[in-house]
N, C-alpha and C. Protein backbone atom coordinates (compact mmCIF):
# COMPACT_ATOMS: atom_id res chain seq x y z
N MET A 1 23.81 51.38 97.37
CA MET A 1 24.25 51.51 98.26
C MET A 1 23.06 52.82 99.18
N SER A 2 22.92 53.15 100.49
CA SER A 2 21.69 53.36 101.36
C SER A 2 21.42 54.96 100.68
N ILE A 3 20.50 55.07 101.27
CA ILE A 3 20.03 56.67 101.52
C ILE A 3 21.06 57.69 101.65
N ARG A 4 21.60 56.67 102.81
CA ARG A 4 22.40 57.48 104.13
C ARG A 4 23.69 58.26 103.38
N ASN A 5 24.38 56.84 102.68
CA ASN A 5 25.76 57.31 101.93
C ASN A 5 25.41 58.30 100.49
N ILE A 6 24.48 57.97 99.43
CA ILE A 6 23.61 58.97 98.67
C ILE A 6 23.80 60.59 98.89
N LEU A 7 23.04 60.50 100.56
CA LEU A 7 23.12 61.67 100.70
C LEU A 7 24.41 62.96 100.86
N ALA A 8 24.96 61.86 101.66
CA ALA A 8 25.98 62.19 102.21
C ALA A 8 27.35 62.33 100.89
N LEU A 9 26.88 61.56 99.69
CA LEU A 9 27.56 62.23 98.86
C LEU A 9 27.30 62.92 97.99
N ILE A 10 26.12 63.52 97.74
CA ILE A 10 25.61 64.18 97.31
C ILE A 10 26.24 66.03 97.89
N LEU A 11 25.77 66.12 99.41
CA LEU A 11 26.63 66.73 100.17
C LEU A 11 28.20 67.04 99.93
N VAL A 12 28.88 66.37 99.75
CA VAL A 12 30.13 66.34 99.43
C VAL A 12 30.48 67.19 98.01
N LEU A 13 29.92 66.33 97.35
CA LEU A 13 29.51 66.78 96.50
C LEU A 13 29.52 68.04 95.66
N SER A 14 28.35 68.66 96.23
CA SER A 14 28.21 69.85 96.54
C SER A 14 28.65 70.88 97.15
N ALA A 15 29.35 70.65 98.52
CA ALA A 15 29.95 71.26 99.13
C ALA A 15 30.69 72.28 98.12
N THR A 16 30.55 73.87 98.83
CA THR A 16 31.74 74.88 97.80
C THR A 16 32.56 74.75 98.28
N PRO A 17 34.04 74.86 97.78
CA PRO A 17 35.52 74.80 97.83
C PRO A 17 36.17 75.54 98.40
N PRO A 18 37.13 75.56 99.02
CA PRO A 18 37.23 76.86 99.93
C PRO A 18 37.96 77.85 99.36
N ALA A 19 37.69 79.59 99.32
CA ALA A 19 38.66 79.98 98.47
C ALA A 19 39.67 80.43 98.50
N LEU A 20 40.48 80.43 97.54
CA LEU A 20 41.81 80.17 97.35
C LEU A 20 41.88 82.01 97.69
N SER A 21 43.38 82.65 98.51
CA SER A 21 43.64 83.58 98.58
C SER A 21 45.20 83.63 98.10
N VAL A 22 45.57 84.62 98.29
CA VAL A 22 47.30 84.77 97.93
C VAL A 22 47.54 85.45 99.53
N ASP A 23 48.71 85.21 99.47
CA ASP A 23 48.97 85.60 100.56
C ASP A 23 50.43 86.71 100.95
N LEU A 24 49.37 87.64 100.86
CA LEU A 24 49.94 89.37 100.54
C LEU A 24 50.35 90.20 101.98
N ASN A 25 50.21 88.82 102.84
CA ASN A 25 50.58 89.91 104.67
C ASN A 25 51.95 90.24 104.62
N GLY A 26 51.87 91.88 104.59
CA GLY A 26 52.91 92.15 105.61
C GLY A 26 53.26 93.52 104.73
N THR A 27 54.79 94.50 104.92
CA THR A 27 54.54 95.61 104.15
C THR A 27 55.13 95.29 102.68
N TRP A 28 54.83 96.46 101.91
CA TRP A 28 54.69 96.34 99.92
C TRP A 28 55.69 98.10 99.80
N LYS A 29 56.42 98.12 99.22
CA LYS A 29 57.08 99.70 99.08
C LYS A 29 57.47 99.17 98.08
N GLY A 30 56.69 100.06 96.78
CA GLY A 30 57.35 100.62 95.57
C GLY A 30 57.60 101.47 94.54
N THR A 31 57.70 101.90 94.09
CA THR A 31 57.59 102.99 92.81
C THR A 31 56.79 102.74 92.20
N LEU A 32 55.62 103.90 91.86
CA LEU A 32 54.92 103.99 90.81
C LEU A 32 54.96 104.75 89.37
N ASN A 33 54.55 104.37 88.29
CA ASN A 33 54.42 104.97 87.16
C ASN A 33 53.24 105.64 86.53
N GLN A 34 52.83 106.64 86.79
CA GLN A 34 51.41 106.87 85.87
C GLN A 34 51.32 107.64 84.31
N VAL A 35 50.73 106.47 83.73
CA VAL A 35 49.82 106.46 82.38
C VAL A 35 49.06 107.57 81.72
N PRO A 36 48.47 108.00 81.65
CA PRO A 36 49.51 109.35 80.70
C PRO A 36 50.21 110.45 81.92
N ALA A 37 51.29 110.61 82.08
CA ALA A 37 52.10 110.94 82.47
C ALA A 37 51.77 112.47 83.11
N ASP A 38 52.02 112.53 84.18
CA ASP A 38 51.65 114.11 84.87
C ASP A 38 52.66 114.87 85.38
N PRO A 39 53.18 115.70 84.81
CA PRO A 39 54.52 115.99 85.30
C PRO A 39 54.68 116.65 86.82
N GLN A 40 53.78 116.60 87.41
CA GLN A 40 54.09 116.50 88.81
C GLN A 40 53.53 115.59 89.52
N THR A 41 52.95 114.43 89.18
CA THR A 41 52.85 112.92 89.69
C THR A 41 53.12 112.13 88.62
N SER A 42 54.04 112.15 87.69
CA SER A 42 54.50 110.96 87.26
C SER A 42 54.82 109.55 87.58
N SER A 43 55.68 109.56 88.28
CA SER A 43 56.37 108.81 89.42
C SER A 43 56.26 108.99 91.13
N TYR A 44 55.82 108.25 91.63
CA TYR A 44 55.71 108.37 93.57
C TYR A 44 55.85 106.99 94.19
N THR A 45 55.84 107.17 94.91
CA THR A 45 56.08 105.83 95.72
C THR A 45 55.15 105.66 96.60
N VAL A 46 54.21 104.20 96.74
CA VAL A 46 53.59 103.45 97.40
C VAL A 46 53.77 102.72 98.37
N VAL A 47 53.37 102.88 99.01
CA VAL A 47 53.49 101.51 100.45
C VAL A 47 52.39 100.70 100.40
N LEU A 48 52.27 100.06 100.63
CA LEU A 48 50.86 98.79 101.07
C LEU A 48 50.97 98.14 102.62
N THR A 49 50.56 98.06 103.18
CA THR A 49 49.99 97.13 104.62
C THR A 49 49.13 96.61 104.67
N VAL A 50 49.13 94.85 104.49
CA VAL A 50 48.46 94.34 104.45
C VAL A 50 48.51 93.12 105.45
N PRO A 51 47.85 93.33 106.50
CA PRO A 51 47.71 92.79 108.13
C PRO A 51 46.50 91.47 107.61
N SER A 52 46.01 91.48 107.08
CA SER A 52 45.27 90.70 106.33
C SER A 52 44.43 91.40 105.34
N LEU A 53 43.65 90.49 104.35
CA LEU A 53 42.96 91.13 103.19
C LEU A 53 42.20 91.62 102.64
N GLU A 54 41.23 91.78 104.35
CA GLU A 54 40.09 92.07 104.66
C GLU A 54 40.33 93.29 105.35
N LYS A 55 42.06 93.88 106.03
CA LYS A 55 41.93 95.08 106.40
C LYS A 55 43.02 96.08 105.76
N SER A 56 43.34 96.41 104.40
CA SER A 56 44.37 96.62 104.44
C SER A 56 44.85 98.53 104.05
N SER A 57 45.73 98.79 103.80
CA SER A 57 45.73 100.22 103.44
C SER A 57 46.41 100.68 102.53
N VAL A 58 46.78 101.51 102.07
CA VAL A 58 47.46 102.19 101.26
C VAL A 58 47.90 103.92 101.61
N ASP A 59 49.83 103.80 101.13
CA ASP A 59 50.05 105.07 101.39
C ASP A 59 50.89 105.48 100.49
N TYR A 60 50.61 106.82 100.13
CA TYR A 60 51.08 107.54 99.02
C TYR A 60 52.57 108.10 99.20
N PRO A 61 53.29 108.43 100.07
CA PRO A 61 53.80 109.15 100.74
C PRO A 61 54.59 110.77 99.79
N THR A 62 54.72 110.81 98.64
CA THR A 62 55.40 111.53 97.62
C THR A 62 53.87 112.32 97.30
N LEU A 63 53.11 112.18 97.38
CA LEU A 63 51.50 112.35 97.26
C LEU A 63 51.26 113.19 98.41
N LYS A 64 51.24 112.24 99.51
CA LYS A 64 50.52 112.82 101.01
C LYS A 64 49.18 112.13 101.02
N CYS A 65 49.63 111.14 100.36
CA CYS A 65 48.04 110.87 101.29
C CYS A 65 47.59 109.30 100.80
N GLY A 66 46.62 108.89 101.24
CA GLY A 66 46.53 107.34 101.54
C GLY A 66 45.32 107.11 101.87
N GLY A 67 44.98 105.39 102.34
CA GLY A 67 43.67 105.87 102.34
C GLY A 67 43.25 104.14 102.95
N ASN A 68 42.06 103.64 102.65
CA ASN A 68 41.63 101.66 103.33
C ASN A 68 41.86 101.37 102.11
N LEU A 69 41.71 100.13 102.03
CA LEU A 69 41.43 99.13 100.43
C LEU A 69 40.60 98.44 101.03
N SER A 70 38.92 98.43 100.57
CA SER A 70 38.61 97.50 100.32
C SER A 70 38.74 96.14 99.81
N LEU A 71 38.48 94.59 99.85
CA LEU A 71 39.01 93.60 99.10
C LEU A 71 37.72 93.36 97.78
N VAL A 72 38.01 93.21 96.85
CA VAL A 72 36.54 93.39 95.81
C VAL A 72 36.96 91.61 95.15
N ARG A 73 38.17 91.01 95.06
CA ARG A 73 38.07 89.07 95.41
C ARG A 73 39.46 88.93 95.43
N SER A 74 39.97 87.72 95.22
CA SER A 74 41.54 87.43 95.42
C SER A 74 41.32 86.17 94.67
N ASP A 75 42.36 85.57 94.63
CA ASP A 75 42.10 84.10 94.29
C ASP A 75 44.10 83.62 95.01
N ASN A 76 44.56 82.83 94.04
CA ASN A 76 46.12 82.27 94.76
C ASN A 76 47.05 82.82 94.30
N THR A 77 46.94 83.96 93.23
CA THR A 77 48.09 84.95 93.05
C THR A 77 47.60 86.25 92.81
N SER A 78 46.71 86.84 93.35
CA SER A 78 46.52 88.27 92.94
C SER A 78 44.97 88.73 93.97
N ALA A 79 45.24 89.93 94.34
CA ALA A 79 43.82 90.60 95.25
C ALA A 79 43.43 91.95 94.15
N THR A 80 42.53 92.28 94.57
CA THR A 80 41.55 93.30 94.03
C THR A 80 41.22 94.09 94.88
N PHE A 81 41.44 95.14 95.19
CA PHE A 81 40.91 96.59 96.10
C PHE A 81 40.22 97.48 95.62
N ARG A 82 38.97 97.95 96.31
CA ARG A 82 39.00 99.47 95.93
C ARG A 82 39.43 100.48 97.23
N GLU A 83 39.73 101.86 97.14
CA GLU A 83 40.58 102.35 97.14
C GLU A 83 39.38 103.30 97.89
N LYS A 84 39.87 104.05 99.10
CA LYS A 84 39.26 104.49 99.44
C LYS A 84 40.01 105.26 100.38
N ILE A 85 40.30 106.87 99.75
CA ILE A 85 41.54 108.30 100.07
C ILE A 85 41.05 108.64 101.53
N THR A 86 41.51 108.54 102.79
CA THR A 86 41.00 109.13 104.13
C THR A 86 42.20 110.28 103.90
N ARG A 87 43.02 110.74 103.95
CA ARG A 87 43.56 111.59 104.47
C ARG A 87 44.26 112.14 102.91
N GLY A 88 44.90 113.26 102.65
CA GLY A 88 45.02 114.01 101.15
C GLY A 88 44.20 114.27 100.26
N CYS A 89 43.20 114.52 99.89
CA CYS A 89 41.76 113.79 99.41
C CYS A 89 42.03 114.60 98.50
N GLU A 90 42.67 115.89 98.63
CA GLU A 90 42.85 116.74 97.75
C GLU A 90 44.30 116.74 96.74
N THR A 91 44.96 115.63 97.20
CA THR A 91 46.25 115.19 96.06
C THR A 91 45.12 113.74 95.15
N CYS A 92 45.81 113.81 95.63
CA CYS A 92 44.71 111.98 95.59
C CYS A 92 43.33 111.71 95.01
N GLU A 93 43.24 110.86 93.66
CA GLU A 93 42.25 110.79 93.31
C GLU A 93 41.12 108.81 94.14
N ASP A 94 40.41 109.62 94.60
CA ASP A 94 39.21 108.42 95.33
C ASP A 94 39.01 107.11 94.33
N GLY A 95 39.01 106.41 94.77
CA GLY A 95 37.78 105.02 93.69
C GLY A 95 38.67 104.27 93.40
N GLY A 96 39.94 104.43 93.12
CA GLY A 96 40.82 103.61 91.81
C GLY A 96 40.35 102.12 92.67
N THR A 97 40.61 101.33 91.58
CA THR A 97 40.69 99.55 91.37
C THR A 97 42.40 99.69 91.59
N ILE A 98 42.64 98.35 92.66
CA ILE A 98 44.26 98.21 92.87
C ILE A 98 43.84 96.67 92.43
N LEU A 99 45.15 96.12 91.51
CA LEU A 99 45.14 94.64 91.32
C LEU A 99 46.48 94.62 92.08
N VAL A 100 46.93 93.79 92.44
CA VAL A 100 47.94 93.08 93.43
C VAL A 100 48.39 91.64 92.73
N LYS A 101 49.11 91.88 92.24
CA LYS A 101 49.10 90.33 91.53
C LYS A 101 51.34 89.87 91.96
N LYS A 102 51.04 88.43 93.30
CA LYS A 102 52.42 88.30 93.23
C LYS A 102 52.89 87.64 92.85
N ILE A 103 54.46 87.63 92.96
CA ILE A 103 55.18 87.35 91.93
C ILE A 103 55.87 85.97 92.42
N ASP A 104 56.71 86.14 93.55
CA ASP A 104 57.45 85.57 94.06
C ASP A 104 57.19 85.85 95.65
N ALA A 105 57.70 84.96 96.88
CA ALA A 105 57.38 86.07 98.57
C ALA A 105 57.95 87.02 98.51
N ASN A 106 58.75 88.12 97.93
CA ASN A 106 59.14 89.38 98.15
C ASN A 106 59.16 89.84 96.89
N THR A 107 57.83 89.57 95.80
CA THR A 107 57.70 90.97 94.68
C THR A 107 56.48 91.12 93.82
N ALA A 108 55.78 91.95 93.96
CA ALA A 108 54.58 91.46 93.25
C ALA A 108 54.31 92.94 92.57
N THR A 109 53.64 93.18 91.38
CA THR A 109 53.05 93.95 90.62
C THR A 109 51.57 94.94 91.36
N TYR A 110 51.59 96.04 90.87
CA TYR A 110 50.47 97.42 91.68
C TYR A 110 50.10 97.42 90.74
N GLU A 111 49.07 97.64 90.22
CA GLU A 111 47.85 98.09 89.42
C GLU A 111 46.90 98.80 89.62
N TRP A 112 47.16 100.00 89.61
CA TRP A 112 46.14 101.14 89.62
C TRP A 112 45.22 101.93 88.73
N LYS A 113 43.99 101.67 88.60
CA LYS A 113 43.09 102.53 87.42
C LYS A 113 41.97 103.25 88.20
N ASP A 114 42.34 104.33 87.63
CA ASP A 114 41.16 105.47 87.36
C ASP A 114 39.67 104.64 87.80
N PRO A 115 38.47 105.49 88.25
CA PRO A 115 38.05 105.40 88.50
C PRO A 115 36.85 105.73 87.12
N ASN A 116 37.56 107.25 86.76
CA ASN A 116 37.00 107.81 85.76
C ASN A 116 37.66 107.37 84.07
N PRO A 117 37.33 105.92 83.89
CA PRO A 117 37.84 105.35 82.58
C PRO A 117 38.03 106.17 81.19
N ALA A 118 36.57 107.76 81.12
CA ALA A 118 37.32 108.33 79.97
C ALA A 118 38.64 109.15 79.99
N ARG A 119 39.37 109.15 81.63
CA ARG A 119 40.59 109.63 81.96
C ARG A 119 41.73 108.76 80.93
N GLY A 120 41.58 107.60 81.63
CA GLY A 120 41.91 106.53 81.07
C GLY A 120 43.54 106.32 82.01
N ILE A 121 43.78 106.60 83.17
CA ILE A 121 45.08 106.97 83.30
C ILE A 121 44.80 105.22 84.22
N THR A 122 45.71 105.27 84.66
CA THR A 122 46.46 103.77 84.98
C THR A 122 47.94 103.92 85.62
N CYS A 123 48.25 103.55 86.55
CA CYS A 123 49.90 103.84 87.16
C CYS A 123 49.91 101.98 88.17
N THR A 124 50.93 101.87 87.09
CA THR A 124 51.95 100.25 87.95
C THR A 124 53.47 100.98 88.17
N GLY A 125 53.59 99.37 88.58
CA GLY A 125 55.09 99.44 89.05
C GLY A 125 55.43 97.97 89.96
N GLN A 126 56.27 98.02 90.15
CA GLN A 126 56.60 96.66 91.14
C GLN A 126 56.93 96.73 92.12
N LEU A 127 56.58 95.76 93.53
CA LEU A 127 56.42 96.03 95.20
C LEU A 127 57.67 94.79 95.45
N ARG A 128 58.54 95.45 96.94
CA ARG A 128 58.89 94.56 97.68
C ARG A 128 58.73 94.42 98.78
N LYS A 129 58.75 93.18 99.27
CA LYS A 129 58.41 93.29 100.82
C LYS A 129 59.16 93.83 101.52
N GLU A 130 59.12 94.72 102.46
CA GLU A 130 60.09 94.89 103.21
C GLU A 130 60.21 94.23 104.42
C-alpha cells in the first residue's frame, strides 16, 4: 500500500461522521401538565414552531407568554433546547430546558424542566403536528 493510500485511509477513518438531527420542522401544538401543580397554571397550551432546529420558538397562549429556543443538542429522535422568554416575562419562568422527542411523523413528547432544580417543576405533554 502506498503512502498516499495510507494517508487517504487515515483521513477517511478519522473524519467526523455527520451529526444526526431529528426532523421537527413545522408547527406542533399540545397541552402541558405541570408537576407540582399550580392552581392557575397546572394545564396549558403550548405551540412549538420549528422552521429549523437552530431557529425555533415557543408560545404559551394560555399563559400569554413565549420566546425563542436555542438548540443545545439533537440526535435522530430528539432535540434539547434552552428557552428564552421574550414576551410575558411576568407570567412565565425564563431559562427552562425543553426536550422534544419525536414519536412518529405527527406526534412528539414535550418536557420542560425548571431552571431552578430546587423547585422541581416539570411540564410534560404530547404534541401533534399541525
